[in-house]
Amino acid sequence: MYKQLLRPIFFSFDPEKIHHFTFSLVKFTSKIPGFKSIYRSLYVIENPKLERNVLGLTFKNPVGLAAGFDKNAVLYNELANFGFGFIEIGTVTPKAQEGNPKKRLFRLKDDRGIINRMGFNNEGLQAAIVQLKKNKGKLIIGGNIGKNTQTKPEDYTKDYLECFNALHPYVDYFVLNVSCPNVGSHAKLNDKDYLEELIGAVQKANGTFATQKPIVLKIAPDLNNAQLDEIIELVKDTNLDGVIASNTSMDRSGLKASPERLESIGNGGLSGQPVKDKSTAVIKYLSEKSNKAFPIIGVGGVHSAKDALEKIDAGADLVQIYTGFIYEGPSLVKQINKAILNRG
């Protein structure tokens, strides 16, 4: 029903406006008696065979919602009724910020992709905490954290630590987002020496809590093999808990969208089907080269159960969807979980 009826309607409107509308729609319908049960009957599969023990956590199933969808942690309780095993909120920054000027979200329908340059728009740390206090404990929540756009390079670590310390009681794992192409002056975040400093500072803060939370790094899909070797070395040297592969891409090669269309859109991170093979190749390289030394969460272009299984076969312990959720609808989560069960 989604692809035949709802998607054509949704796709006739501005992407960012319809995103907010669907949030309101899900929020509203979830308050109607019986609707939560309807959603769960349609989309949720509960089976012990789907459980995964990763990062020291027990996931009900290996299919999660990637960061960027529920930036401000306002819908995760309702989204739990759509079959996800975990949801990643954020990217959260210490202070609220508008992000980049609109228009900043674009569909590439023929490519089944999206280009965005949102720029870490979010309502800030304290607003996220207010929402996370409403957690009904239905599933694992990840906290994706970043720096404010206006933060000076010498204060980057301070921003990450502020988010980490404040969110620590409310999320189950943390993601250091250092690979988003849509925020200004992020070159330092890709410097190996700085990453060692950042990870070390966050891990030191983690050690001050009675219960430590897993910390993973989200990396770009455009890294070459030498850079991926550095990531493997970084994870080993810092005892980082894992990696998310991967973020959005700056590469525009092989797209069906015309050069004129791409030029009119401008810069931004590409997600969806066009990055599927690239992110899967990154997962495979990291997994094989490290001899599966650390957990990998695979994300990028998962639009079908087959796409998800490819990521798992490449070495992903868990998978996330985002653009595929928008294009394929909520039934995608169930399709992936059914395919995993059918494998036995």
C-alpha atoms as a PDB file:
ATOM      1  CA  MET A   1       0.000   0.000   0.000  1.00  0.00           C
ATOM      2  CA  TYR A   2       2.820   2.396   0.847  1.00  0.00           C
ATOM      3  CA  LYS A   3       4.557   2.327  -2.543  1.00  0.00           C
ATOM      4  CA  GLN A   4       1.332   2.260  -4.565  1.00  0.00           C
ATOM      5  CA  LEU A   5      -0.708   4.788  -2.610  1.00  0.00           C
ATOM      6  CA  LEU A   6       1.194   6.817  -0.020  1.00  0.00           C
ATOM      7  CA  ARG A   7       4.603   7.275  -1.617  1.00  0.00           C
ATOM      8  CA  PRO A   8       3.298   8.980  -4.797  1.00  0.00           C
ATOM      9  CA  ILE A   9       1.399  11.432  -2.592  1.00  0.00           C
ATOM     10  CA  PHE A  10       4.321  12.033  -0.243  1.00  0.00           C
ATOM     11  CA  PHE A  11       6.766  12.436  -3.134  1.00  0.00           C
ATOM     12  CA  SER A  12       4.635  15.174  -4.685  1.00  0.00           C
ATOM     13  CA  PHE A  13       5.558  17.463  -1.788  1.00  0.00           C
ATOM     14  CA  ASP A  14       8.801  19.073  -0.625  1.00  0.00           C
ATOM     15  CA  PRO A  15      10.949  16.361   1.044  1.00  0.00           C
ATOM     16  CA  GLU A  16      11.619  18.255   4.255  1.00  0.00           C
ATOM     17  CA  LYS A  17       8.008  19.375   4.702  1.00  0.00           C
ATOM     18  CA  ILE A  18       6.634  15.879   4.134  1.00  0.00           C
ATOM     19  CA  HIS A  19       9.175  14.515   6.628  1.00  0.00           C
ATOM     20  CA  HIS A  20       7.667  16.708   9.343  1.00  0.00           C
ATOM     21  CA  PHE A  21       4.143  15.846   8.187  1.00  0.00           C
ATOM     22  CA  THR A  22       4.748  12.079   8.405  1.00  0.00           C
ATOM     23  CA  PHE A  23       6.184  12.552  11.910  1.00  0.00           C
ATOM     24  CA  SER A  24       2.975  14.291  12.946  1.00  0.00           C
ATOM     25  CA  LEU A  25       0.899  11.612  11.219  1.00  0.00           C
ATOM     26  CA  VAL A  26       2.650   8.724  12.989  1.00  0.00           C
ATOM     27  CA  LYS A  27       2.492  10.592  16.308  1.00  0.00           C
ATOM     28  CA  PHE A  28      -1.222  11.301  15.885  1.00  0.00           C
ATOM     29  CA  THR A  29      -2.281   7.831  14.728  1.00  0.00           C
ATOM     30  CA  SER A  30      -0.248   6.174  17.496  1.00  0.00           C
ATOM     31  CA  LYS A  31      -2.453   7.947  20.043  1.00  0.00           C
ATOM     32  CA  ILE A  32      -5.624   6.468  18.547  1.00  0.00           C
ATOM     33  CA  PRO A  33      -6.698   3.378  20.540  1.00  0.00           C
ATOM     34  CA  GLY A  34      -5.758   0.193  18.705  1.00  0.00           C
ATOM     35  CA  PHE A  35      -3.363   1.744  16.184  1.00  0.00           C
ATOM     36  CA  LYS A  36      -0.197   0.709  18.011  1.00  0.00           C
ATOM     37  CA  SER A  37      -1.443  -2.881  17.935  1.00  0.00           C
ATOM     38  CA  ILE A  38      -2.234  -2.557  14.225  1.00  0.00           C
ATOM     39  CA  TYR A  39       1.256  -1.244  13.468  1.00  0.00           C
ATOM     40  CA  ARG A  40       2.869  -4.010  15.511  1.00  0.00           C
ATOM     41  CA  SER A  41       0.777  -6.723  13.872  1.00  0.00           C
ATOM     42  CA  LEU A  42       1.762  -5.415  10.436  1.00  0.00           C
ATOM     43  CA  TYR A  43       5.462  -4.835  10.955  1.00  0.00           C
ATOM     44  CA  VAL A  44       6.897  -6.512  14.064  1.00  0.00           C
ATOM     45  CA  ILE A  45       8.450  -9.976  14.083  1.00  0.00           C
ATOM     46  CA  GLU A  46       9.450 -11.296  17.479  1.00  0.00           C
ATOM     47  CA  ASN A  47      11.654 -14.355  17.358  1.00  0.00           C
ATOM     48  CA  PRO A  48      14.599 -15.292  19.577  1.00  0.00           C
ATOM     49  CA  LYS A  49      16.515 -16.331  16.447  1.00  0.00           C
ATOM     50  CA  LEU A  50      16.643 -12.667  15.408  1.00  0.00           C
ATOM     51  CA  GLU A  51      18.404 -11.586  18.600  1.00  0.00           C
ATOM     52  CA  ARG A  52      21.967 -10.344  18.217  1.00  0.00           C
ATOM     53  CA  ASN A  53      24.550  -9.766  20.930  1.00  0.00           C
ATOM     54  CA  VAL A  54      26.696  -6.927  19.619  1.00  0.00           C
ATOM     55  CA  LEU A  55      28.661  -4.200  21.445  1.00  0.00           C
ATOM     56  CA  GLY A  56      27.804  -5.953  24.692  1.00  0.00           C
ATOM     57  CA  LEU A  57      24.114  -5.258  24.056  1.00  0.00           C
ATOM     58  CA  THR A  58      21.246  -7.589  23.171  1.00  0.00           C
ATOM     59  CA  PHE A  59      19.338  -6.377  20.110  1.00  0.00           C
ATOM     60  CA  LYS A  60      15.837  -7.825  19.511  1.00  0.00           C
ATOM     61  CA  ASN A  61      16.725  -7.946  15.819  1.00  0.00           C
ATOM     62  CA  PRO A  62      19.599  -6.650  13.691  1.00  0.00           C
ATOM     63  CA  VAL A  63      17.658  -3.996  11.728  1.00  0.00           C
ATOM     64  CA  GLY A  64      17.961  -0.411  12.932  1.00  0.00           C
ATOM     65  CA  LEU A  65      16.984   3.082  11.868  1.00  0.00           C
ATOM     66  CA  ALA A  66      19.995   5.244  11.058  1.00  0.00           C
ATOM     67  CA  ALA A  67      20.662   8.660  12.553  1.00  0.00           C
ATOM     68  CA  GLY A  68      19.180  11.686  10.807  1.00  0.00           C
ATOM     69  CA  PHE A  69      15.608  10.440  10.698  1.00  0.00           C
ATOM     70  CA  ASP A  70      14.630  11.081  14.327  1.00  0.00           C
ATOM     71  CA  LYS A  71      17.161  13.822  14.986  1.00  0.00           C
ATOM     72  CA  ASN A  72      15.524  15.185  18.111  1.00  0.00           C
ATOM     73  CA  ALA A  73      14.353  11.877  19.639  1.00  0.00           C
ATOM     74  CA  VAL A  74      10.685  12.784  19.270  1.00  0.00           C
ATOM     75  CA  LEU A  75       9.376   9.648  17.529  1.00  0.00           C
ATOM     76  CA  TYR A  76      11.468   6.667  18.683  1.00  0.00           C
ATOM     77  CA  ASN A  77       8.759   5.247  20.972  1.00  0.00           C
ATOM     78  CA  GLU A  78       6.283   5.230  18.084  1.00  0.00           C
ATOM     79  CA  LEU A  79       8.864   3.956  15.570  1.00  0.00           C
ATOM     80  CA  ALA A  80       9.483   0.987  17.869  1.00  0.00           C
ATOM     81  CA  ASN A  81       6.109  -0.315  16.655  1.00  0.00           C
ATOM     82  CA  PHE A  82       7.454  -0.590  13.084  1.00  0.00           C
ATOM     83  CA  GLY A  83       9.707  -3.557  13.808  1.00  0.00           C
ATOM     84  CA  PHE A  84      13.110  -1.970  14.385  1.00  0.00           C
ATOM     85  CA  GLY A  85      15.615  -3.624  16.672  1.00  0.00           C
ATOM     86  CA  PHE A  86      17.264  -0.302  17.493  1.00  0.00           C
ATOM     87  CA  ILE A  87      16.990   3.383  16.651  1.00  0.00           C
ATOM     88  CA  GLU A  88      19.783   5.935  16.466  1.00  0.00           C
ATOM     89  CA  ILE A  89      18.798   9.487  17.368  1.00  0.00           C
ATOM     90  CA  GLY A  90      20.687  12.636  16.350  1.00  0.00           C
ATOM     91  CA  THR A  91      23.017  13.942  15.237  1.00  0.00           C
ATOM     92  CA  VAL A  92      22.759  15.892  18.511  1.00  0.00           C
ATOM     93  CA  THR A  93      24.923  18.988  19.081  1.00  0.00           C
ATOM     94  CA  PRO A  94      25.329  20.896  22.369  1.00  0.00           C
ATOM     95  CA  LYS A  95      23.371  23.925  21.189  1.00  0.00           C
ATOM     96  CA  ALA A  96      20.319  24.048  18.960  1.00  0.00           C
ATOM     97  CA  GLN A  97      21.112  25.098  15.382  1.00  0.00           C
ATOM     98  CA  GLU A  98      19.149  25.732  12.213  1.00  0.00           C
ATOM     99  CA  GLY A  99      21.535  23.897   9.932  1.00  0.00           C
ATOM    100  CA  ASN A 100      22.143  24.958   6.356  1.00  0.00           C
ATOM    101  CA  PRO A 101      19.796  27.267   4.438  1.00  0.00           C
ATOM    102  CA  LYS A 102      16.786  25.638   2.767  1.00  0.00           C
ATOM    103  CA  LYS A 103      16.247  24.063   0.252  1.00  0.00           C
ATOM    104  CA  ARG A 104      18.615  21.345   1.478  1.00  0.00           C
ATOM    105  CA  LEU A 105      16.961  17.965   0.889  1.00  0.00           C
ATOM    106  CA  PHE A 106      16.507  16.530  -2.603  1.00  0.00           C
ATOM    107  CA  ARG A 107      15.151  13.272  -4.030  1.00  0.00           C
ATOM    108  CA  LEU A 108      16.824  11.527  -6.958  1.00  0.00           C
ATOM    109  CA  LYS A 109      13.831   9.379  -7.873  1.00  0.00           C
ATOM    110  CA  ASP A 110      15.375   7.577 -10.846  1.00  0.00           C
ATOM    111  CA  ASP A 111      18.397   6.676  -8.727  1.00  0.00           C
ATOM    112  CA  ARG A 112      16.336   5.853  -5.612  1.00  0.00           C
ATOM    113  CA  GLY A 113      18.587   8.199  -3.722  1.00  0.00           C
ATOM    114  CA  ILE A 114      18.609  11.390  -1.690  1.00  0.00           C
ATOM    115  CA  ILE A 115      21.042  14.293  -1.528  1.00  0.00           C
ATOM    116  CA  ASN A 116      21.029  16.286   1.686  1.00  0.00           C
ATOM    117  CA  ARG A 117      23.012  19.121   3.142  1.00  0.00           C
ATOM    118  CA  MET A 118      20.991  19.529   6.322  1.00  0.00           C
ATOM    119  CA  GLY A 119      24.020  20.607   8.366  1.00  0.00           C
ATOM    120  CA  PHE A 120      23.253  18.999  11.737  1.00  0.00           C
ATOM    121  CA  ASN A 121      19.981  20.874  12.180  1.00  0.00           C
ATOM    122  CA  ASN A 122      18.638  19.890  15.594  1.00  0.00           C
ATOM    123  CA  GLU A 123      17.016  21.331  18.694  1.00  0.00           C
ATOM    124  CA  GLY A 124      20.094  20.791  20.840  1.00  0.00           C
ATOM    125  CA  LEU A 125      21.203  18.599  23.688  1.00  0.00           C
ATOM    126  CA  GLN A 126      18.712  19.608  26.365  1.00  0.00           C
ATOM    127  CA  ALA A 127      15.705  19.201  24.046  1.00  0.00           C
ATOM    128  CA  ALA A 128      16.889  15.666  23.180  1.00  0.00           C
ATOM    129  CA  ILE A 129      17.225  14.786  26.870  1.00  0.00           C
ATOM    130  CA  VAL A 130      13.659  15.961  27.565  1.00  0.00           C
ATOM    131  CA  GLN A 131      12.451  13.535  24.887  1.00  0.00           C
ATOM    132  CA  LEU A 132      14.716  10.665  25.962  1.00  0.00           C
ATOM    133  CA  LYS A 133      13.300  10.843  29.476  1.00  0.00           C
ATOM    134  CA  LYS A 134      10.056   9.569  27.896  1.00  0.00           C
ATOM    135  CA  ASN A 135      11.752   6.341  26.812  1.00  0.00           C
ATOM    136  CA  LYS A 136       9.412   3.382  27.355  1.00  0.00           C
ATOM    137  CA  GLY A 137      12.264   0.917  27.015  1.00  0.00           C
ATOM    138  CA  LYS A 138      10.958  -0.827  23.907  1.00  0.00           C
ATOM    139  CA  LEU A 139      14.296  -1.071  22.120  1.00  0.00           C
ATOM    140  CA  ILE A 140      17.949  -0.037  22.107  1.00  0.00           C
ATOM    141  CA  ILE A 141      18.658   3.653  21.500  1.00  0.00           C
ATOM    142  CA  GLY A 142      21.900   4.954  20.021  1.00  0.00           C
ATOM    143  CA  GLY A 143      23.081   8.514  20.505  1.00  0.00           C
ATOM    144  CA  ASN A 144      24.768  10.067  17.478  1.00  0.00           C
ATOM    145  CA  ILE A 145      26.734  13.123  18.599  1.00  0.00           C
ATOM    146  CA  GLY A 146      28.560  15.937  16.837  1.00  0.00           C
ATOM    147  CA  LYS A 147      29.870  19.463  17.168  1.00  0.00           C
ATOM    148  CA  ASN A 148      28.105  22.758  16.543  1.00  0.00           C
ATOM    149  CA  THR A 149      28.927  24.329  13.199  1.00  0.00           C
ATOM    150  CA  GLN A 150      30.248  27.532  14.770  1.00  0.00           C
ATOM    151  CA  THR A 151      32.502  25.741  17.255  1.00  0.00           C
ATOM    152  CA  LYS A 152      36.184  26.597  16.859  1.00  0.00           C
ATOM    153  CA  PRO A 153      38.556  23.698  16.085  1.00  0.00           C
ATOM    154  CA  GLU A 154      40.211  23.912  19.497  1.00  0.00           C
ATOM    155  CA  ASP A 155      36.793  23.317  21.116  1.00  0.00           C
ATOM    156  CA  TYR A 156      35.578  20.365  19.005  1.00  0.00           C
ATOM    157  CA  THR A 157      36.371  17.822  21.710  1.00  0.00           C
ATOM    158  CA  LYS A 158      34.559  19.953  24.303  1.00  0.00           C
ATOM    159  CA  ASP A 159      31.370  19.756  22.188  1.00  0.00           C
ATOM    160  CA  TYR A 160      31.560  15.970  21.892  1.00  0.00           C
ATOM    161  CA  LEU A 161      32.239  15.596  25.625  1.00  0.00           C
ATOM    162  CA  GLU A 162      29.324  17.842  26.544  1.00  0.00           C
ATOM    163  CA  CYS A 163      26.951  15.689  24.491  1.00  0.00           C
ATOM    164  CA  PHE A 164      28.502  12.451  25.708  1.00  0.00           C
ATOM    165  CA  ASN A 165      28.333  13.262  29.406  1.00  0.00           C
ATOM    166  CA  ALA A 166      24.787  14.638  29.294  1.00  0.00           C
ATOM    167  CA  LEU A 167      23.332  11.848  27.125  1.00  0.00           C
ATOM    168  CA  HIS A 168      25.138   9.018  28.902  1.00  0.00           C
ATOM    169  CA  PRO A 169      22.249   8.065  31.220  1.00  0.00           C
ATOM    170  CA  TYR A 170      19.729   8.040  28.367  1.00  0.00           C
ATOM    171  CA  VAL A 171      21.229   6.093  25.443  1.00  0.00           C
ATOM    172  CA  ASP A 172      22.615   2.566  25.097  1.00  0.00           C
ATOM    173  CA  TYR A 173      25.544   3.294  22.775  1.00  0.00           C
ATOM    174  CA  PHE A 174      27.271   6.324  21.269  1.00  0.00           C
ATOM    175  CA  VAL A 175      28.258   7.231  17.724  1.00  0.00           C
ATOM    176  CA  LEU A 176      30.982   9.788  17.103  1.00  0.00           C
ATOM    177  CA  ASN A 177      29.874  11.417  13.874  1.00  0.00           C
ATOM    178  CA  VAL A 178      33.076  12.721  12.297  1.00  0.00           C
ATOM    179  CA  SER A 179      32.284  11.983   8.644  1.00  0.00           C
ATOM    180  CA  CYS A 180      29.248  14.093   7.734  1.00  0.00           C
ATOM    181  CA  PRO A 181      30.033  16.113   4.598  1.00  0.00           C
ATOM    182  CA  ASN A 182      27.321  18.689   5.318  1.00  0.00           C
ATOM    183  CA  VAL A 183      28.915  20.662   8.138  1.00  0.00           C
ATOM    184  CA  GLY A 184      31.565  23.315   7.710  1.00  0.00           C
ATOM    185  CA  SER A 185      35.241  22.982   8.663  1.00  0.00           C
ATOM    186  CA  HIS A 186      35.162  19.254   9.369  1.00  0.00           C
ATOM    187  CA  ALA A 187      38.589  18.492   7.871  1.00  0.00           C
ATOM    188  CA  LYS A 188      40.174  18.221  11.326  1.00  0.00           C
ATOM    189  CA  LEU A 189      37.664  15.496  12.195  1.00  0.00           C
ATOM    190  CA  ASN A 190      39.234  13.247   9.570  1.00  0.00           C
ATOM    191  CA  ASP A 191      42.762  13.675  10.930  1.00  0.00           C
ATOM    192  CA  LYS A 192      43.976  10.452  12.567  1.00  0.00           C
ATOM    193  CA  ASP A 193      45.887  12.236  15.325  1.00  0.00           C
ATOM    194  CA  TYR A 194      42.836  14.281  16.247  1.00  0.00           C
ATOM    195  CA  LEU A 195      40.584  11.212  16.172  1.00  0.00           C
ATOM    196  CA  GLU A 196      42.917   9.484  18.629  1.00  0.00           C
ATOM    197  CA  GLU A 197      42.669  12.547  20.882  1.00  0.00           C
ATOM    198  CA  LEU A 198      38.859  12.702  20.587  1.00  0.00           C
ATOM    199  CA  ILE A 199      38.310   8.988  21.178  1.00  0.00           C
ATOM    200  CA  GLY A 200      40.705   9.029  24.122  1.00  0.00           C
ATOM    201  CA  ALA A 201      38.891  11.970  25.726  1.00  0.00           C
ATOM    202  CA  VAL A 202      35.467  10.361  25.292  1.00  0.00           C
ATOM    203  CA  GLN A 203      36.707   7.018  26.615  1.00  0.00           C
ATOM    204  CA  LYS A 204      38.191   8.757  29.655  1.00  0.00           C
ATOM    205  CA  ALA A 205      34.799  10.369  30.304  1.00  0.00           C
ATOM    206  CA  ASN A 206      33.141   6.977  29.819  1.00  0.00           C
ATOM    207  CA  GLY A 207      35.317   5.554  32.569  1.00  0.00           C
ATOM    208  CA  THR A 208      33.881   7.996  35.104  1.00  0.00           C
ATOM    209  CA  PHE A 209      30.427   6.361  34.879  1.00  0.00           C
ATOM    210  CA  ALA A 210      29.449   3.272  36.847  1.00  0.00           C
ATOM    211  CA  THR A 211      28.252   1.626  33.631  1.00  0.00           C
ATOM    212  CA  GLN A 212      30.288   2.283  30.515  1.00  0.00           C
ATOM    213  CA  LYS A 213      28.552   2.636  27.153  1.00  0.00           C
ATOM    214  CA  PRO A 214      29.866   1.289  23.812  1.00  0.00           C
ATOM    215  CA  ILE A 215      31.394   3.919  21.511  1.00  0.00           C
ATOM    216  CA  VAL A 216      31.537   3.532  17.731  1.00  0.00           C
ATOM    217  CA  LEU A 217      32.878   5.694  14.924  1.00  0.00           C
ATOM    218  CA  LYS A 218      30.840   6.567  11.820  1.00  0.00           C
ATOM    219  CA  ILE A 219      33.033   6.719   8.736  1.00  0.00           C
ATOM    220  CA  ALA A 220      32.628   7.954   5.160  1.00  0.00           C
ATOM    221  CA  PRO A 221      32.106   5.584   2.204  1.00  0.00           C
ATOM    222  CA  ASP A 222      34.607   7.490   0.071  1.00  0.00           C
ATOM    223  CA  LEU A 223      37.725   6.386   1.964  1.00  0.00           C
ATOM    224  CA  ASN A 224      40.425   4.579  -0.014  1.00  0.00           C
ATOM    225  CA  ASN A 225      42.087   1.379   1.176  1.00  0.00           C
ATOM    226  CA  ALA A 226      44.987   3.220   2.794  1.00  0.00           C
ATOM    227  CA  GLN A 227      42.526   5.329   4.784  1.00  0.00           C
ATOM    228  CA  LEU A 228      40.542   2.226   5.753  1.00  0.00           C
ATOM    229  CA  ASP A 229      43.783   0.651   6.965  1.00  0.00           C
ATOM    230  CA  GLU A 230      44.189   3.715   9.184  1.00  0.00           C
ATOM    231  CA  ILE A 231      40.663   3.183  10.548  1.00  0.00           C
ATOM    232  CA  ILE A 232      41.490  -0.448  11.398  1.00  0.00           C
ATOM    233  CA  GLU A 233      44.695   0.701  13.112  1.00  0.00           C
ATOM    234  CA  LEU A 234      42.790   3.460  14.943  1.00  0.00           C
ATOM    235  CA  VAL A 235      40.178   1.026  16.280  1.00  0.00           C
ATOM    236  CA  LYS A 236      42.919  -1.302  17.480  1.00  0.00           C
ATOM    237  CA  ASP A 237      45.062   1.411  19.064  1.00  0.00           C
ATOM    238  CA  THR A 238      42.168   3.105  20.882  1.00  0.00           C
ATOM    239  CA  ASN A 239      40.155  -0.034  21.755  1.00  0.00           C
ATOM    240  CA  LEU A 240      37.137   1.545  20.083  1.00  0.00           C
ATOM    241  CA  ASP A 241      34.036  -0.663  20.276  1.00  0.00           C
ATOM    242  CA  GLY A 242      33.102  -0.655  16.588  1.00  0.00           C
ATOM    243  CA  VAL A 243      32.459   1.162  13.324  1.00  0.00           C
ATOM    244  CA  ILE A 244      29.409   2.301  11.358  1.00  0.00           C
ATOM    245  CA  ALA A 245      30.011   2.005   7.619  1.00  0.00           C
ATOM    246  CA  SER A 246      28.997   4.260   6.187  1.00  0.00           C
ATOM    247  CA  ASN A 247      27.860   7.862   6.077  1.00  0.00           C
ATOM    248  CA  THR A 248      26.688   9.694   2.939  1.00  0.00           C
ATOM    249  CA  SER A 249      28.919  10.065  -0.115  1.00  0.00           C
ATOM    250  CA  MET A 250      30.252  13.035  -2.049  1.00  0.00           C
ATOM    251  CA  ASP A 251      30.686  10.895  -5.186  1.00  0.00           C
ATOM    252  CA  ARG A 252      28.266  11.602  -8.048  1.00  0.00           C
ATOM    253  CA  SER A 253      29.549   9.047 -10.563  1.00  0.00           C
ATOM    254  CA  GLY A 254      27.142   6.682 -12.315  1.00  0.00           C
ATOM    255  CA  LEU A 255      23.955   8.539 -11.449  1.00  0.00           C
ATOM    256  CA  LYS A 256      20.938   8.582 -13.759  1.00  0.00           C
ATOM    257  CA  ALA A 257      20.179  12.160 -12.734  1.00  0.00           C
ATOM    258  CA  SER A 258      21.361  14.617 -15.378  1.00  0.00           C
ATOM    259  CA  PRO A 259      24.419  16.823 -14.823  1.00  0.00           C
ATOM    260  CA  GLU A 260      22.069  19.816 -15.033  1.00  0.00           C
ATOM    261  CA  ARG A 261      19.898  18.416 -12.251  1.00  0.00           C
ATOM    262  CA  LEU A 262      22.914  17.660 -10.069  1.00  0.00           C
ATOM    263  CA  GLU A 263      24.325  21.123 -10.688  1.00  0.00           C
ATOM    264  CA  SER A 264      21.009  22.720  -9.696  1.00  0.00           C
ATOM    265  CA  ILE A 265      21.036  20.716  -6.441  1.00  0.00           C
ATOM    266  CA  GLY A 266      24.613  21.607  -5.548  1.00  0.00           C
ATOM    267  CA  ASN A 267      26.684  20.057  -2.773  1.00  0.00           C
ATOM    268  CA  GLY A 268      25.498  17.556  -0.199  1.00  0.00           C
ATOM    269  CA  GLY A 269      25.770  13.955   0.936  1.00  0.00           C
ATOM    270  CA  LEU A 270      24.344  11.254  -1.310  1.00  0.00           C
ATOM    271  CA  SER A 271      22.465   8.327   0.257  1.00  0.00           C
ATOM    272  CA  GLY A 272      20.337   5.437  -0.983  1.00  0.00           C
ATOM    273  CA  GLN A 273      20.879   2.907  -3.751  1.00  0.00           C
ATOM    274  CA  PRO A 274      23.784   4.775  -5.419  1.00  0.00           C
ATOM    275  CA  VAL A 275      25.988   4.182  -2.357  1.00  0.00           C
ATOM    276  CA  LYS A 276      24.966   0.550  -1.776  1.00  0.00           C
ATOM    277  CA  ASP A 277      27.918  -1.167  -3.417  1.00  0.00           C
ATOM    278  CA  LYS A 278      30.417   1.364  -2.137  1.00  0.00           C
ATOM    279  CA  SER A 279      29.367   0.961   1.504  1.00  0.00           C
ATOM    280  CA  THR A 280      29.232  -2.833   1.170  1.00  0.00           C
ATOM    281  CA  ALA A 281      32.784  -2.801  -0.217  1.00  0.00           C
ATOM    282  CA  VAL A 282      33.938  -0.753   2.783  1.00  0.00           C
ATOM    283  CA  ILE A 283      32.299  -3.252   5.164  1.00  0.00           C
ATOM    284  CA  LYS A 284      33.913  -6.185   3.366  1.00  0.00           C
ATOM    285  CA  TYR A 285      37.361  -4.573   3.412  1.00  0.00           C
ATOM    286  CA  LEU A 286      37.192  -3.651   7.102  1.00  0.00           C
ATOM    287  CA  SER A 287      35.884  -7.080   8.072  1.00  0.00           C
ATOM    288  CA  GLU A 288      38.383  -9.107   6.066  1.00  0.00           C
ATOM    289  CA  LYS A 289      41.453  -6.917   6.616  1.00  0.00           C
ATOM    290  CA  SER A 290      40.871  -6.777  10.387  1.00  0.00           C
ATOM    291  CA  ASN A 291      39.915 -10.455  10.578  1.00  0.00           C
ATOM    292  CA  LYS A 292      36.571  -9.382  12.096  1.00  0.00           C
ATOM    293  CA  ALA A 293      38.359  -7.722  15.001  1.00  0.00           C
ATOM    294  CA  PHE A 294      35.457  -5.381  15.794  1.00  0.00           C
ATOM    295  CA  PRO A 295      31.686  -5.091  15.208  1.00  0.00           C
ATOM    296  CA  ILE A 296      30.465  -3.293  12.084  1.00  0.00           C
ATOM    297  CA  ILE A 297      27.057  -1.686  11.637  1.00  0.00           C
ATOM    298  CA  GLY A 298      26.315  -1.622   7.920  1.00  0.00           C
ATOM    299  CA  VAL A 299      24.318   1.215   6.385  1.00  0.00           C
ATOM    300  CA  GLY A 300      23.998   2.653   2.890  1.00  0.00           C
ATOM    301  CA  GLY A 301      21.578   1.757   0.116  1.00  0.00           C
ATOM    302  CA  VAL A 302      19.585  -0.948   1.890  1.00  0.00           C
ATOM    303  CA  HIS A 303      16.333  -0.956  -0.104  1.00  0.00           C
ATOM    304  CA  SER A 304      15.527  -4.679   0.049  1.00  0.00           C
ATOM    305  CA  ALA A 305      16.134  -7.812   2.081  1.00  0.00           C
ATOM    306  CA  LYS A 306      18.736  -8.817  -0.513  1.00  0.00           C
ATOM    307  CA  ASP A 307      20.629  -5.568   0.063  1.00  0.00           C
ATOM    308  CA  ALA A 308      20.658  -6.171   3.819  1.00  0.00           C
ATOM    309  CA  LEU A 309      21.857  -9.765   3.433  1.00  0.00           C
ATOM    310  CA  GLU A 310      24.686  -8.540   1.199  1.00  0.00           C
ATOM    311  CA  LYS A 311      25.835  -6.242   3.998  1.00  0.00           C
ATOM    312  CA  ILE A 312      25.641  -9.087   6.532  1.00  0.00           C
ATOM    313  CA  ASP A 313      27.524 -11.438   4.205  1.00  0.00           C
ATOM    314  CA  ALA A 314      30.179  -8.736   3.755  1.00  0.00           C
ATOM    315  CA  GLY A 315      30.729  -8.657   7.509  1.00  0.00           C
ATOM    316  CA  ALA A 316      28.093  -6.399   9.056  1.00  0.00           C
ATOM    317  CA  ASP A 317      26.816  -7.522  12.453  1.00  0.00           C
ATOM    318  CA  LEU A 318      23.827  -5.169  12.302  1.00  0.00           C
ATOM    319  CA  VAL A 319      22.280  -3.112   9.511  1.00  0.00           C
ATOM    320  CA  GLN A 320      20.553   0.266   9.410  1.00  0.00           C
ATOM    321  CA  ILE A 321      18.138   1.788   6.939  1.00  0.00           C
ATOM    322  CA  TYR A 322      17.217   5.383   6.199  1.00  0.00           C
ATOM    323  CA  THR A 323      16.667   6.252   2.539  1.00  0.00           C
ATOM    324  CA  GLY A 324      15.313   2.745   1.943  1.00  0.00           C
ATOM    325  CA  PHE A 325      12.719   3.371   4.661  1.00  0.00           C
ATOM    326  CA  ILE A 326      11.568   6.468   2.770  1.00  0.00           C
ATOM    327  CA  TYR A 327      11.457   4.788  -0.654  1.00  0.00           C
ATOM    328  CA  GLU A 328      10.237   1.310   0.302  1.00  0.00           C
ATOM    329  CA  GLY A 329       8.131   2.021   3.386  1.00  0.00           C
ATOM    330  CA  PRO A 330       7.940   0.403   6.825  1.00  0.00           C
ATOM    331  CA  SER A 331       7.394  -3.117   5.469  1.00  0.00           C
ATOM    332  CA  LEU A 332      11.108  -3.155   4.566  1.00  0.00           C
ATOM    333  CA  VAL A 333      12.057  -3.866   8.195  1.00  0.00           C
ATOM    334  CA  LYS A 334       9.831  -6.944   8.306  1.00  0.00           C
ATOM    335  CA  GLN A 335      11.060  -8.150   4.907  1.00  0.00           C
ATOM    336  CA  ILE A 336      14.673  -8.040   6.105  1.00  0.00           C
ATOM    337  CA  ASN A 337      13.918  -9.836   9.362  1.00  0.00           C
ATOM    338  CA  LYS A 338      11.906 -12.519   7.534  1.00  0.00           C
ATOM    339  CA  ALA A 339      14.776 -13.074   5.094  1.00  0.00           C
ATOM    340  CA  ILE A 340      17.214 -13.480   7.995  1.00  0.00           C
ATOM    341  CA  LEU A 341      14.902 -16.029   9.650  1.00  0.00           C
ATOM    342  CA  ASN A 342      14.415 -17.914   6.379  1.00  0.00           C
ATOM    343  CA  ARG A 343      18.160 -18.452   6.214  1.00  0.00           C
ATOM    344  CA  GLY A 344      17.911 -20.457   9.419  1.00  0.00           C
END
